[in-house]
Amino acid sequence: MAVETHEVAKEKVAGGRHLKSLIGESSKQVKITKAIGDGGYDTKTNFRTLAERGIEPVIKVRNNSSNKAGGCIPRKLVAQGYLQGPEA
């Protein structure tokens, strides 16, 4: 069963700042296994939040992403896959 949770914010507010509350609301209804987000969700905080809850991140990382951890192993793993190309 797929459940979508949406939150509308003002144009100048980064959407990625709302991931924790979106996950919290959705998890009241269903078990979340995967979270999909655009590049606005590419933050270490979001990757950590998902990892802590055992949720697979499907978040587009920035084109100039580094494959170094910078303190966030979950994001590093996604960035490495992204940098390897679509096949990865």
N, C-alpha and C. Protein backbone atom coordinates (compact mmCIF):
# COMPACT_ATOMS: atom_id res chain seq x y z
N MET A 1 0.84 -1.17 0.00
CA MET A 1 0.00 0.00 0.00
C MET A 1 0.89 1.24 0.00
N ALA A 2 0.73 2.08 -0.96
CA ALA A 2 1.51 3.32 -1.05
C ALA A 2 0.71 4.46 -0.43
N VAL A 3 1.36 5.22 0.40
CA VAL A 3 0.73 6.39 1.03
C VAL A 3 1.58 7.59 0.69
N GLU A 4 0.94 8.63 0.24
CA GLU A 4 1.64 9.87 -0.05
C GLU A 4 1.26 10.89 1.01
N THR A 5 2.26 11.59 1.50
CA THR A 5 2.02 12.68 2.44
C THR A 5 2.59 13.94 1.81
N HIS A 6 1.83 14.98 1.84
CA HIS A 6 2.25 16.25 1.24
C HIS A 6 2.16 17.36 2.27
N GLU A 7 3.01 18.32 2.10
CA GLU A 7 2.95 19.51 2.94
C GLU A 7 3.29 20.69 2.03
N VAL A 8 2.46 21.70 2.06
CA VAL A 8 2.69 22.87 1.23
C VAL A 8 3.37 23.94 2.07
N ALA A 9 4.46 24.48 1.51
CA ALA A 9 5.21 25.51 2.22
C ALA A 9 5.35 26.73 1.31
N LYS A 10 5.72 27.84 1.90
CA LYS A 10 5.97 29.03 1.11
C LYS A 10 7.13 28.77 0.16
N GLU A 11 7.15 29.49 -0.93
CA GLU A 11 8.15 29.29 -1.97
C GLU A 11 9.58 29.40 -1.46
N LYS A 12 9.84 30.28 -0.51
CA LYS A 12 11.20 30.51 -0.05
C LYS A 12 11.63 29.57 1.07
N VAL A 13 10.77 28.63 1.45
CA VAL A 13 11.11 27.66 2.49
C VAL A 13 11.56 26.38 1.83
N ALA A 14 12.72 25.88 2.21
CA ALA A 14 13.24 24.65 1.64
C ALA A 14 12.35 23.48 2.06
N GLY A 15 11.84 22.75 1.09
CA GLY A 15 10.95 21.62 1.36
C GLY A 15 11.60 20.54 2.19
N GLY A 16 12.90 20.38 2.04
CA GLY A 16 13.61 19.34 2.76
C GLY A 16 13.56 19.49 4.27
N ARG A 17 13.27 20.67 4.73
CA ARG A 17 13.19 20.92 6.18
C ARG A 17 11.98 20.22 6.80
N HIS A 18 11.05 19.73 6.00
CA HIS A 18 9.82 19.15 6.50
C HIS A 18 9.81 17.63 6.49
N LEU A 19 10.91 17.01 6.08
CA LEU A 19 10.92 15.56 5.95
C LEU A 19 10.57 14.85 7.25
N LYS A 20 11.15 15.28 8.35
CA LYS A 20 10.91 14.61 9.63
C LYS A 20 9.44 14.62 10.00
N SER A 21 8.76 15.75 9.82
CA SER A 21 7.34 15.80 10.16
C SER A 21 6.50 14.99 9.17
N LEU A 22 6.89 14.98 7.90
CA LEU A 22 6.16 14.17 6.91
C LEU A 22 6.28 12.69 7.24
N ILE A 23 7.48 12.26 7.58
CA ILE A 23 7.70 10.86 7.94
C ILE A 23 6.92 10.51 9.21
N GLY A 24 6.94 11.42 10.17
CA GLY A 24 6.22 11.19 11.41
C GLY A 24 4.73 11.01 11.19
N GLU A 25 4.14 11.86 10.36
CA GLU A 25 2.71 11.76 10.08
C GLU A 25 2.37 10.47 9.32
N SER A 26 3.15 10.16 8.32
CA SER A 26 2.88 8.96 7.51
C SER A 26 3.05 7.69 8.32
N SER A 27 4.05 7.66 9.20
CA SER A 27 4.32 6.45 9.96
C SER A 27 3.22 6.13 10.97
N LYS A 28 2.33 7.07 11.22
CA LYS A 28 1.18 6.80 12.08
C LYS A 28 0.17 5.91 11.36
N GLN A 29 0.22 5.92 10.01
CA GLN A 29 -0.75 5.18 9.21
C GLN A 29 -0.20 3.87 8.67
N VAL A 30 1.08 3.87 8.27
CA VAL A 30 1.68 2.70 7.63
C VAL A 30 3.15 2.59 8.01
N LYS A 31 3.72 1.41 7.75
CA LYS A 31 5.15 1.23 7.93
C LYS A 31 5.84 1.78 6.68
N ILE A 32 6.74 2.71 6.86
CA ILE A 32 7.43 3.33 5.73
C ILE A 32 8.72 2.57 5.46
N THR A 33 8.92 2.17 4.21
CA THR A 33 10.14 1.45 3.84
C THR A 33 11.02 2.27 2.92
N LYS A 34 10.44 3.26 2.23
CA LYS A 34 11.19 4.04 1.25
C LYS A 34 10.63 5.46 1.23
N ALA A 35 11.53 6.44 1.14
CA ALA A 35 11.13 7.85 1.03
C ALA A 35 11.75 8.44 -0.22
N ILE A 36 10.92 9.04 -1.05
CA ILE A 36 11.36 9.63 -2.31
C ILE A 36 11.30 11.14 -2.20
N GLY A 37 12.39 11.78 -2.62
CA GLY A 37 12.42 13.24 -2.57
C GLY A 37 13.35 13.80 -3.63
N ASP A 38 13.09 15.04 -4.02
CA ASP A 38 13.96 15.69 -5.00
C ASP A 38 15.19 16.25 -4.30
N GLY A 39 16.00 17.00 -5.01
CA GLY A 39 17.24 17.53 -4.48
C GLY A 39 17.08 18.43 -3.27
N GLY A 40 15.89 18.97 -3.06
CA GLY A 40 15.64 19.81 -1.90
C GLY A 40 15.72 19.03 -0.59
N TYR A 41 15.65 17.71 -0.68
CA TYR A 41 15.71 16.84 0.50
C TYR A 41 17.12 16.32 0.75
N ASP A 42 18.09 16.76 -0.06
CA ASP A 42 19.47 16.30 0.05
C ASP A 42 20.20 17.02 1.18
N THR A 43 19.93 16.57 2.40
CA THR A 43 20.64 17.10 3.56
C THR A 43 21.09 15.93 4.43
N LYS A 44 22.17 16.14 5.15
CA LYS A 44 22.66 15.09 6.04
C LYS A 44 21.63 14.76 7.10
N THR A 45 20.93 15.77 7.59
CA THR A 45 19.90 15.56 8.61
C THR A 45 18.82 14.62 8.10
N ASN A 46 18.38 14.83 6.85
CA ASN A 46 17.34 13.96 6.29
C ASN A 46 17.83 12.53 6.12
N PHE A 47 19.05 12.37 5.63
CA PHE A 47 19.59 11.02 5.47
C PHE A 47 19.73 10.33 6.81
N ARG A 48 20.15 11.07 7.83
CA ARG A 48 20.26 10.48 9.17
C ARG A 48 18.89 10.08 9.72
N THR A 49 17.91 10.96 9.54
CA THR A 49 16.55 10.68 10.01
C THR A 49 16.03 9.39 9.40
N LEU A 50 16.20 9.24 8.10
CA LEU A 50 15.73 8.04 7.42
C LEU A 50 16.48 6.80 7.89
N ALA A 51 17.79 6.91 8.03
CA ALA A 51 18.60 5.78 8.48
C ALA A 51 18.19 5.33 9.88
N GLU A 52 17.94 6.27 10.76
CA GLU A 52 17.53 5.95 12.14
C GLU A 52 16.22 5.17 12.17
N ARG A 53 15.37 5.42 11.19
CA ARG A 53 14.06 4.77 11.14
C ARG A 53 14.05 3.55 10.21
N GLY A 54 15.21 3.22 9.63
CA GLY A 54 15.29 2.07 8.74
C GLY A 54 14.56 2.27 7.42
N ILE A 55 14.52 3.51 6.96
CA ILE A 55 13.82 3.86 5.72
C ILE A 55 14.84 4.08 4.61
N GLU A 56 14.62 3.44 3.47
CA GLU A 56 15.53 3.60 2.33
C GLU A 56 15.33 4.98 1.70
N PRO A 57 16.41 5.77 1.57
CA PRO A 57 16.28 7.08 0.92
C PRO A 57 16.39 6.95 -0.59
N VAL A 58 15.46 7.58 -1.28
CA VAL A 58 15.52 7.70 -2.73
C VAL A 58 15.48 9.20 -2.99
N ILE A 59 16.62 9.83 -2.78
CA ILE A 59 16.73 11.28 -2.85
C ILE A 59 17.81 11.63 -3.85
N LYS A 60 17.48 12.52 -4.77
CA LYS A 60 18.47 12.96 -5.76
C LYS A 60 19.50 13.83 -5.06
N VAL A 61 20.75 13.38 -5.12
CA VAL A 61 21.82 14.19 -4.52
C VAL A 61 22.30 15.22 -5.54
N ARG A 62 22.96 16.23 -5.06
CA ARG A 62 23.43 17.31 -5.93
C ARG A 62 24.43 16.80 -6.95
N ASN A 63 24.46 17.44 -8.11
CA ASN A 63 25.38 17.03 -9.18
C ASN A 63 26.84 17.14 -8.76
N ASN A 64 27.15 18.07 -7.89
CA ASN A 64 28.53 18.26 -7.46
C ASN A 64 28.81 17.56 -6.13
N SER A 65 28.07 16.50 -5.83
CA SER A 65 28.22 15.78 -4.57
C SER A 65 29.59 15.14 -4.44
N SER A 66 30.06 15.12 -3.22
CA SER A 66 31.32 14.46 -2.89
C SER A 66 31.00 13.04 -2.44
N ASN A 67 31.93 12.12 -2.66
CA ASN A 67 31.71 10.77 -2.18
C ASN A 67 32.34 10.57 -0.80
N LYS A 68 32.67 11.68 -0.13
CA LYS A 68 33.19 11.63 1.23
C LYS A 68 32.03 11.69 2.20
N ALA A 69 32.18 11.06 3.33
CA ALA A 69 31.08 10.96 4.29
C ALA A 69 30.72 12.29 4.92
N GLY A 70 31.70 13.08 5.30
CA GLY A 70 31.40 14.34 5.96
C GLY A 70 30.54 14.15 7.19
N GLY A 71 30.69 13.01 7.85
CA GLY A 71 29.92 12.74 9.06
C GLY A 71 28.59 12.05 8.83
N CYS A 72 28.26 11.70 7.58
CA CYS A 72 26.96 11.09 7.30
C CYS A 72 27.13 9.92 6.32
N ILE A 73 27.33 8.74 6.86
CA ILE A 73 27.54 7.54 6.04
C ILE A 73 26.33 7.25 5.14
N PRO A 74 25.07 7.35 5.62
CA PRO A 74 23.93 7.05 4.74
C PRO A 74 23.93 7.92 3.47
N ARG A 75 24.26 9.20 3.61
CA ARG A 75 24.29 10.07 2.43
C ARG A 75 25.46 9.72 1.53
N LYS A 76 26.60 9.37 2.13
CA LYS A 76 27.78 8.99 1.36
C LYS A 76 27.45 7.82 0.44
N LEU A 77 26.76 6.81 0.96
CA LEU A 77 26.44 5.63 0.16
C LEU A 77 25.55 5.98 -1.04
N VAL A 78 24.57 6.85 -0.82
CA VAL A 78 23.70 7.27 -1.92
C VAL A 78 24.48 8.09 -2.93
N ALA A 79 25.33 9.00 -2.44
CA ALA A 79 26.13 9.84 -3.34
C ALA A 79 27.07 8.99 -4.18
N GLN A 80 27.69 7.98 -3.58
CA GLN A 80 28.58 7.10 -4.34
C GLN A 80 27.84 6.40 -5.46
N GLY A 81 26.65 5.90 -5.17
CA GLY A 81 25.84 5.25 -6.20
C GLY A 81 25.46 6.21 -7.31
N TYR A 82 25.09 7.42 -6.93
CA TYR A 82 24.70 8.43 -7.91
C TYR A 82 25.88 8.80 -8.81
N LEU A 83 27.06 8.94 -8.21
CA LEU A 83 28.24 9.33 -8.97
C LEU A 83 28.71 8.22 -9.92
N GLN A 84 28.33 6.98 -9.65
CA GLN A 84 28.69 5.85 -10.52
C GLN A 84 27.83 5.82 -11.77
N GLY A 85 26.72 6.51 -11.76
CA GLY A 85 25.86 6.58 -12.93
C GLY A 85 24.55 5.84 -12.73
N PRO A 86 23.64 5.99 -13.68
CA PRO A 86 22.30 5.40 -13.57
C PRO A 86 22.28 3.88 -13.41
N GLU A 87 23.26 3.20 -13.98
CA GLU A 87 23.30 1.75 -13.90
C GLU A 87 23.46 1.28 -12.46
N ALA A 88 24.20 2.05 -11.66
CA ALA A 88 24.47 1.68 -10.27
C ALA A 88 23.19 1.76 -9.47
